[in-house]
Amino acid sequence: MMELVFVVTDKDDLCGVDLDHCRNPLTGEINQPKLDIINLLDSYTEITPSLEGIRVWLRGKKPSGGNRKGTY
């Protein structure tokens, strides 16, 4: 199986949102609060290698002063 590797740099306009431990790897079910975030972002979404998380890719710029906010 071939795995796609993509490296995001400061020159890219791509940002990834990682939603950890939100997916049941056996059933594929995603918990509702994280599913709401995925639907709100409405962008390319993929399952993480752990099979327990989701990554959403968006076009945008990382805000200055950090990249985490809130308690998700």
PDB file of N, CA and C in Angstrom:
ATOM      1  N   MET A   1       0.845  -1.174   0.000  1.00  0.00           N
ATOM      2  CA  MET A   1       0.000   0.000   0.000  1.00  0.00           C
ATOM      3  C   MET A   1       0.891   1.238   0.000  1.00  0.00           C
ATOM      4  N   MET A   2       0.555   2.209  -0.814  1.00  0.00           N
ATOM      5  CA  MET A   2       1.336   3.444  -0.919  1.00  0.00           C
ATOM      6  C   MET A   2       0.723   4.504  -0.006  1.00  0.00           C
ATOM      7  N   GLU A   3       1.566   5.199   0.732  1.00  0.00           N
ATOM      8  CA  GLU A   3       1.087   6.245   1.627  1.00  0.00           C
ATOM      9  C   GLU A   3       1.551   7.603   1.108  1.00  0.00           C
ATOM     10  N   LEU A   4       0.637   8.545   1.039  1.00  0.00           N
ATOM     11  CA  LEU A   4       0.947   9.891   0.596  1.00  0.00           C
ATOM     12  C   LEU A   4       1.522  10.673   1.766  1.00  0.00           C
ATOM     13  N   VAL A   5       2.659  11.296   1.547  1.00  0.00           N
ATOM     14  CA  VAL A   5       3.281  12.118   2.581  1.00  0.00           C
ATOM     15  C   VAL A   5       3.292  13.553   2.086  1.00  0.00           C
ATOM     16  N   PHE A   6       2.783  14.454   2.893  1.00  0.00           N
ATOM     17  CA  PHE A   6       2.725  15.860   2.529  1.00  0.00           C
ATOM     18  C   PHE A   6       3.277  16.675   3.682  1.00  0.00           C
ATOM     19  N   VAL A   7       4.202  17.552   3.386  1.00  0.00           N
ATOM     20  CA  VAL A   7       4.813  18.400   4.411  1.00  0.00           C
ATOM     21  C   VAL A   7       4.312  19.819   4.217  1.00  0.00           C
ATOM     22  N   VAL A   8       3.720  20.374   5.263  1.00  0.00           N
ATOM     23  CA  VAL A   8       3.222  21.746   5.226  1.00  0.00           C
ATOM     24  C   VAL A   8       4.337  22.670   5.686  1.00  0.00           C
ATOM     25  N   THR A   9       4.571  23.730   4.912  1.00  0.00           N
ATOM     26  CA  THR A   9       5.594  24.714   5.269  1.00  0.00           C
ATOM     27  C   THR A   9       4.951  26.086   5.400  1.00  0.00           C
ATOM     28  N   ASP A  10       5.732  27.048   5.878  1.00  0.00           N
ATOM     29  CA  ASP A  10       5.238  28.421   6.020  1.00  0.00           C
ATOM     30  C   ASP A  10       4.850  29.038   4.684  1.00  0.00           C
ATOM     31  N   LYS A  11       5.357  28.490   3.587  1.00  0.00           N
ATOM     32  CA  LYS A  11       5.061  29.033   2.264  1.00  0.00           C
ATOM     33  C   LYS A  11       3.708  28.537   1.733  1.00  0.00           C
ATOM     34  N   ASP A  12       3.164  27.494   2.342  1.00  0.00           N
ATOM     35  CA  ASP A  12       1.876  26.935   1.917  1.00  0.00           C
ATOM     36  C   ASP A  12       0.723  27.711   2.524  1.00  0.00           C
ATOM     37  N   ASP A  13      -0.415  27.625   1.888  1.00  0.00           N
ATOM     38  CA  ASP A  13      -1.623  28.206   2.476  1.00  0.00           C
ATOM     39  C   ASP A  13      -2.544  27.097   2.996  1.00  0.00           C
ATOM     40  N   LEU A  14      -1.939  25.952   3.331  1.00  0.00           N
ATOM     41  CA  LEU A  14      -2.717  24.834   3.865  1.00  0.00           C
ATOM     42  C   LEU A  14      -2.549  24.731   5.372  1.00  0.00           C
ATOM     43  N   CYS A  15      -3.638  24.439   6.034  1.00  0.00           N
ATOM     44  CA  CYS A  15      -3.638  24.224   7.475  1.00  0.00           C
ATOM     45  C   CYS A  15      -4.376  22.925   7.751  1.00  0.00           C
ATOM     46  N   GLY A  16      -3.914  22.214   8.757  1.00  0.00           N
ATOM     47  CA  GLY A  16      -4.583  20.990   9.150  1.00  0.00           C
ATOM     48  C   GLY A  16      -5.178  21.126  10.539  1.00  0.00           C
ATOM     49  N   VAL A  17      -6.377  20.603  10.702  1.00  0.00           N
ATOM     50  CA  VAL A  17      -7.028  20.565  12.005  1.00  0.00           C
ATOM     51  C   VAL A  17      -7.094  19.099  12.414  1.00  0.00           C
ATOM     52  N   ASP A  18      -6.396  18.747  13.497  1.00  0.00           N
ATOM     53  CA  ASP A  18      -6.395  17.374  13.992  1.00  0.00           C
ATOM     54  C   ASP A  18      -7.441  17.221  15.086  1.00  0.00           C
ATOM     55  N   LEU A  19      -8.290  16.258  14.914  1.00  0.00           N
ATOM     56  CA  LEU A  19      -9.305  15.924  15.911  1.00  0.00           C
ATOM     57  C   LEU A  19      -8.966  14.524  16.417  1.00  0.00           C
ATOM     58  N   ASP A  20      -8.335  14.462  17.596  1.00  0.00           N
ATOM     59  CA  ASP A  20      -7.828  13.199  18.133  1.00  0.00           C
ATOM     60  C   ASP A  20      -8.899  12.434  18.902  1.00  0.00           C
ATOM     61  N   HIS A  21      -8.780  11.119  18.882  1.00  0.00           N
ATOM     62  CA  HIS A  21      -9.607  10.205  19.680  1.00  0.00           C
ATOM     63  C   HIS A  21     -11.102  10.484  19.548  1.00  0.00           C
ATOM     64  N   CYS A  22     -11.549  10.696  18.317  1.00  0.00           N
ATOM     65  CA  CYS A  22     -12.965  11.001  18.091  1.00  0.00           C
ATOM     66  C   CYS A  22     -13.655   9.951  17.235  1.00  0.00           C
ATOM     67  N   ARG A  23     -12.907   8.949  16.781  1.00  0.00           N
ATOM     68  CA  ARG A  23     -13.450   7.953  15.861  1.00  0.00           C
ATOM     69  C   ARG A  23     -13.259   6.557  16.422  1.00  0.00           C
ATOM     70  N   ASN A  24     -14.300   5.755  16.364  1.00  0.00           N
ATOM     71  CA  ASN A  24     -14.210   4.361  16.765  1.00  0.00           C
ATOM     72  C   ASN A  24     -13.599   3.584  15.603  1.00  0.00           C
ATOM     73  N   PRO A  25     -12.394   3.013  15.766  1.00  0.00           N
ATOM     74  CA  PRO A  25     -11.741   2.342  14.641  1.00  0.00           C
ATOM     75  C   PRO A  25     -12.464   1.070  14.179  1.00  0.00           C
ATOM     76  N   LEU A  26     -13.309   0.506  15.028  1.00  0.00           N
ATOM     77  CA  LEU A  26     -14.030  -0.713  14.645  1.00  0.00           C
ATOM     78  C   LEU A  26     -15.302  -0.417  13.865  1.00  0.00           C
ATOM     79  N   THR A  27     -16.012   0.642  14.246  1.00  0.00           N
ATOM     80  CA  THR A  27     -17.289   0.947  13.593  1.00  0.00           C
ATOM     81  C   THR A  27     -17.197   2.127  12.626  1.00  0.00           C
ATOM     82  N   GLY A  28     -16.163   2.971  12.784  1.00  0.00           N
ATOM     83  CA  GLY A  28     -16.046   4.163  11.956  1.00  0.00           C
ATOM     84  C   GLY A  28     -16.868   5.332  12.467  1.00  0.00           C
ATOM     85  N   GLU A  29     -17.586   5.120  13.569  1.00  0.00           N
ATOM     86  CA  GLU A  29     -18.438   6.177  14.122  1.00  0.00           C
ATOM     87  C   GLU A  29     -17.583   7.311  14.693  1.00  0.00           C
ATOM     88  N   ILE A  30     -17.992   8.550  14.393  1.00  0.00           N
ATOM     89  CA  ILE A  30     -17.311   9.753  14.883  1.00  0.00           C
ATOM     90  C   ILE A  30     -18.222  10.413  15.900  1.00  0.00           C
ATOM     91  N   ASN A  31     -17.652  10.816  17.059  1.00  0.00           N
ATOM     92  CA  ASN A  31     -18.513  11.405  18.081  1.00  0.00           C
ATOM     93  C   ASN A  31     -19.106  12.727  17.587  1.00  0.00           C
ATOM     94  N   GLN A  32     -20.315  13.022  18.043  1.00  0.00           N
ATOM     95  CA  GLN A  32     -21.113  14.125  17.503  1.00  0.00           C
ATOM     96  C   GLN A  32     -20.443  15.499  17.612  1.00  0.00           C
ATOM     97  N   PRO A  33     -19.827  15.876  18.743  1.00  0.00           N
ATOM     98  CA  PRO A  33     -19.202  17.205  18.779  1.00  0.00           C
ATOM     99  C   PRO A  33     -18.123  17.381  17.695  1.00  0.00           C
ATOM    100  N   LYS A  34     -17.334  16.339  17.462  1.00  0.00           N
ATOM    101  CA  LYS A  34     -16.283  16.436  16.435  1.00  0.00           C
ATOM    102  C   LYS A  34     -16.893  16.377  15.038  1.00  0.00           C
ATOM    103  N   LEU A  35     -17.960  15.616  14.863  1.00  0.00           N
ATOM    104  CA  LEU A  35     -18.653  15.576  13.577  1.00  0.00           C
ATOM    105  C   LEU A  35     -19.229  16.950  13.242  1.00  0.00           C
ATOM    106  N   ASP A  36     -19.704  17.654  14.250  1.00  0.00           N
ATOM    107  CA  ASP A  36     -20.196  19.026  14.041  1.00  0.00           C
ATOM    108  C   ASP A  36     -19.083  19.938  13.542  1.00  0.00           C
ATOM    109  N   ILE A  37     -17.871  19.794  14.100  1.00  0.00           N
ATOM    110  CA  ILE A  37     -16.717  20.591  13.653  1.00  0.00           C
ATOM    111  C   ILE A  37     -16.377  20.251  12.209  1.00  0.00           C
ATOM    112  N   ILE A  38     -16.344  18.960  11.889  1.00  0.00           N
ATOM    113  CA  ILE A  38     -16.030  18.517  10.523  1.00  0.00           C
ATOM    114  C   ILE A  38     -17.028  19.109   9.534  1.00  0.00           C
ATOM    115  N   ASN A  39     -18.304  19.059   9.873  1.00  0.00           N
ATOM    116  CA  ASN A  39     -19.335  19.608   8.987  1.00  0.00           C
ATOM    117  C   ASN A  39     -19.227  21.119   8.856  1.00  0.00           C
ATOM    118  N   LEU A  40     -18.890  21.791   9.934  1.00  0.00           N
ATOM    119  CA  LEU A  40     -18.726  23.245   9.902  1.00  0.00           C
ATOM    120  C   LEU A  40     -17.554  23.655   8.999  1.00  0.00           C
ATOM    121  N   LEU A  41     -16.448  22.923   9.084  1.00  0.00           N
ATOM    122  CA  LEU A  41     -15.271  23.260   8.272  1.00  0.00           C
ATOM    123  C   LEU A  41     -15.485  22.931   6.801  1.00  0.00           C
ATOM    124  N   ASP A  42     -16.259  21.904   6.485  1.00  0.00           N
ATOM    125  CA  ASP A  42     -16.649  21.578   5.106  1.00  0.00           C
ATOM    126  C   ASP A  42     -15.471  21.579   4.145  1.00  0.00           C
ATOM    127  N   SER A  43     -14.477  20.747   4.431  1.00  0.00           N
ATOM    128  CA  SER A  43     -13.283  20.693   3.606  1.00  0.00           C
ATOM    129  C   SER A  43     -12.810  19.239   3.494  1.00  0.00           C
ATOM    130  N   TYR A  44     -11.708  19.029   2.790  1.00  0.00           N
ATOM    131  CA  TYR A  44     -11.166  17.677   2.635  1.00  0.00           C
ATOM    132  C   TYR A  44     -10.844  17.103   4.008  1.00  0.00           C
ATOM    133  N   THR A  45     -11.325  15.902   4.271  1.00  0.00           N
ATOM    134  CA  THR A  45     -11.178  15.261   5.576  1.00  0.00           C
ATOM    135  C   THR A  45     -10.643  13.849   5.383  1.00  0.00           C
ATOM    136  N   GLU A  46      -9.715  13.455   6.274  1.00  0.00           N
ATOM    137  CA  GLU A  46      -9.154  12.115   6.177  1.00  0.00           C
ATOM    138  C   GLU A  46      -9.015  11.489   7.564  1.00  0.00           C
ATOM    139  N   ILE A  47      -8.970  10.180   7.590  1.00  0.00           N
ATOM    140  CA  ILE A  47      -8.744   9.436   8.820  1.00  0.00           C
ATOM    141  C   ILE A  47      -7.243   9.441   9.098  1.00  0.00           C
ATOM    142  N   THR A  48      -6.854   9.648  10.364  1.00  0.00           N
ATOM    143  CA  THR A  48      -5.442   9.644  10.723  1.00  0.00           C
ATOM    144  C   THR A  48      -4.910   8.212  10.759  1.00  0.00           C
ATOM    145  N   PRO A  49      -3.582   8.037  10.718  1.00  0.00           N
ATOM    146  CA  PRO A  49      -3.010   6.686  10.726  1.00  0.00           C
ATOM    147  C   PRO A  49      -3.418   5.830  11.929  1.00  0.00           C
ATOM    148  N   SER A  50      -3.732   6.450  13.062  1.00  0.00           N
ATOM    149  CA  SER A  50      -4.155   5.686  14.238  1.00  0.00           C
ATOM    150  C   SER A  50      -5.544   5.083  14.063  1.00  0.00           C
ATOM    151  N   LEU A  51      -6.284   5.558  13.063  1.00  0.00           N
ATOM    152  CA  LEU A  51      -7.675   5.180  12.794  1.00  0.00           C
ATOM    153  C   LEU A  51      -8.648   5.701  13.848  1.00  0.00           C
ATOM    154  N   GLU A  52      -8.152   6.446  14.843  1.00  0.00           N
ATOM    155  CA  GLU A  52      -8.990   6.976  15.916  1.00  0.00           C
ATOM    156  C   GLU A  52      -9.204   8.480  15.807  1.00  0.00           C
ATOM    157  N   GLY A  53      -8.569   9.107  14.840  1.00  0.00           N
ATOM    158  CA  GLY A  53      -8.676  10.557  14.688  1.00  0.00           C
ATOM    159  C   GLY A  53      -9.045  10.956  13.279  1.00  0.00           C
ATOM    160  N   ILE A  54      -9.316  12.234  13.137  1.00  0.00           N
ATOM    161  CA  ILE A  54      -9.679  12.819  11.850  1.00  0.00           C
ATOM    162  C   ILE A  54      -8.811  14.052  11.632  1.00  0.00           C
ATOM    163  N   ARG A  55      -8.401  14.266  10.406  1.00  0.00           N
ATOM    164  CA  ARG A  55      -7.659  15.479  10.036  1.00  0.00           C
ATOM    165  C   ARG A  55      -8.441  16.173   8.932  1.00  0.00           C
ATOM    166  N   VAL A  56      -8.649  17.480   9.115  1.00  0.00           N
ATOM    167  CA  VAL A  56      -9.355  18.299   8.129  1.00  0.00           C
ATOM    168  C   VAL A  56      -8.345  19.282   7.556  1.00  0.00           C
ATOM    169  N   TRP A  57      -8.229  19.319   6.237  1.00  0.00           N
ATOM    170  CA  TRP A  57      -7.307  20.237   5.560  1.00  0.00           C
ATOM    171  C   TRP A  57      -8.080  21.442   5.043  1.00  0.00           C
ATOM    172  N   LEU A  58      -7.511  22.625   5.270  1.00  0.00           N
ATOM    173  CA  LEU A  58      -8.140  23.882   4.866  1.00  0.00           C
ATOM    174  C   LEU A  58      -7.105  24.802   4.243  1.00  0.00           C
ATOM    175  N   ARG A  59      -7.577  25.760   3.497  1.00  0.00           N
ATOM    176  CA  ARG A  59      -6.699  26.831   3.025  1.00  0.00           C
ATOM    177  C   ARG A  59      -6.807  27.975   4.019  1.00  0.00           C
ATOM    178  N   GLY A  60      -5.674  28.494   4.441  1.00  0.00           N
ATOM    179  CA  GLY A  60      -5.675  29.599   5.396  1.00  0.00           C
ATOM    180  C   GLY A  60      -4.282  29.829   5.943  1.00  0.00           C
ATOM    181  N   LYS A  61      -4.164  30.713   6.871  1.00  0.00           N
ATOM    182  CA  LYS A  61      -2.892  31.046   7.507  1.00  0.00           C
ATOM    183  C   LYS A  61      -2.989  30.771   8.996  1.00  0.00           C
ATOM    184  N   LYS A  62      -1.909  30.265   9.561  1.00  0.00           N
ATOM    185  CA  LYS A  62      -1.856  30.025  10.995  1.00  0.00           C
ATOM    186  C   LYS A  62      -1.864  31.369  11.715  1.00  0.00           C
ATOM    187  N   PRO A  63      -2.688  31.524  12.741  1.00  0.00           N
ATOM    188  CA  PRO A  63      -2.719  32.796  13.457  1.00  0.00           C
ATOM    189  C   PRO A  63      -1.429  33.027  14.232  1.00  0.00           C
ATOM    190  N   SER A  64      -1.056  34.280  14.389  1.00  0.00           N
ATOM    191  CA  SER A  64       0.140  34.578  15.177  1.00  0.00           C
ATOM    192  C   SER A  64      -0.156  34.294  16.645  1.00  0.00           C
ATOM    193  N   GLY A  65       0.866  33.927  17.379  1.00  0.00           N
ATOM    194  CA  GLY A  65       0.695  33.692  18.803  1.00  0.00           C
ATOM    195  C   GLY A  65       0.286  32.283  19.165  1.00  0.00           C
ATOM    196  N   GLY A  66       0.280  31.366  18.226  1.00  0.00           N
ATOM    197  CA  GLY A  66      -0.041  29.982  18.555  1.00  0.00           C
ATOM    198  C   GLY A  66      -1.126  29.408  17.691  1.00  0.00           C
ATOM    199  N   ASN A  67      -1.350  28.127  17.872  1.00  0.00           N
ATOM    200  CA  ASN A  67      -2.331  27.464  17.004  1.00  0.00           C
ATOM    201  C   ASN A  67      -3.338  26.625  17.772  1.00  0.00           C
ATOM    202  N   ARG A  68      -3.447  26.818  19.077  1.00  0.00           N
ATOM    203  CA  ARG A  68      -4.451  26.089  19.861  1.00  0.00           C
ATOM    204  C   ARG A  68      -5.315  27.075  20.625  1.00  0.00           C
ATOM    205  N   LYS A  69      -6.576  26.770  20.653  1.00  0.00           N
ATOM    206  CA  LYS A  69      -7.513  27.622  21.391  1.00  0.00           C
ATOM    207  C   LYS A  69      -8.663  26.760  21.866  1.00  0.00           C
ATOM    208  N   GLY A  70      -9.041  26.912  23.092  1.00  0.00           N
ATOM    209  CA  GLY A  70     -10.164  26.157  23.607  1.00  0.00           C
ATOM    210  C   GLY A  70      -9.765  24.793  24.116  1.00  0.00           C
ATOM    211  N   THR A  71     -10.744  24.046  24.557  1.00  0.00           N
ATOM    212  CA  THR A  71     -10.517  22.705  25.093  1.00  0.00           C
ATOM    213  C   THR A  71     -11.354  21.705  24.332  1.00  0.00           C
ATOM    214  N   TYR A  72     -10.889  21.287  23.197  1.00  0.00           N
ATOM    215  CA  TYR A  72     -11.578  20.262  22.410  1.00  0.00           C
ATOM    216  C   TYR A  72     -10.844  19.003  22.686  1.00  0.00           C
TER     217      TYR A  72
END
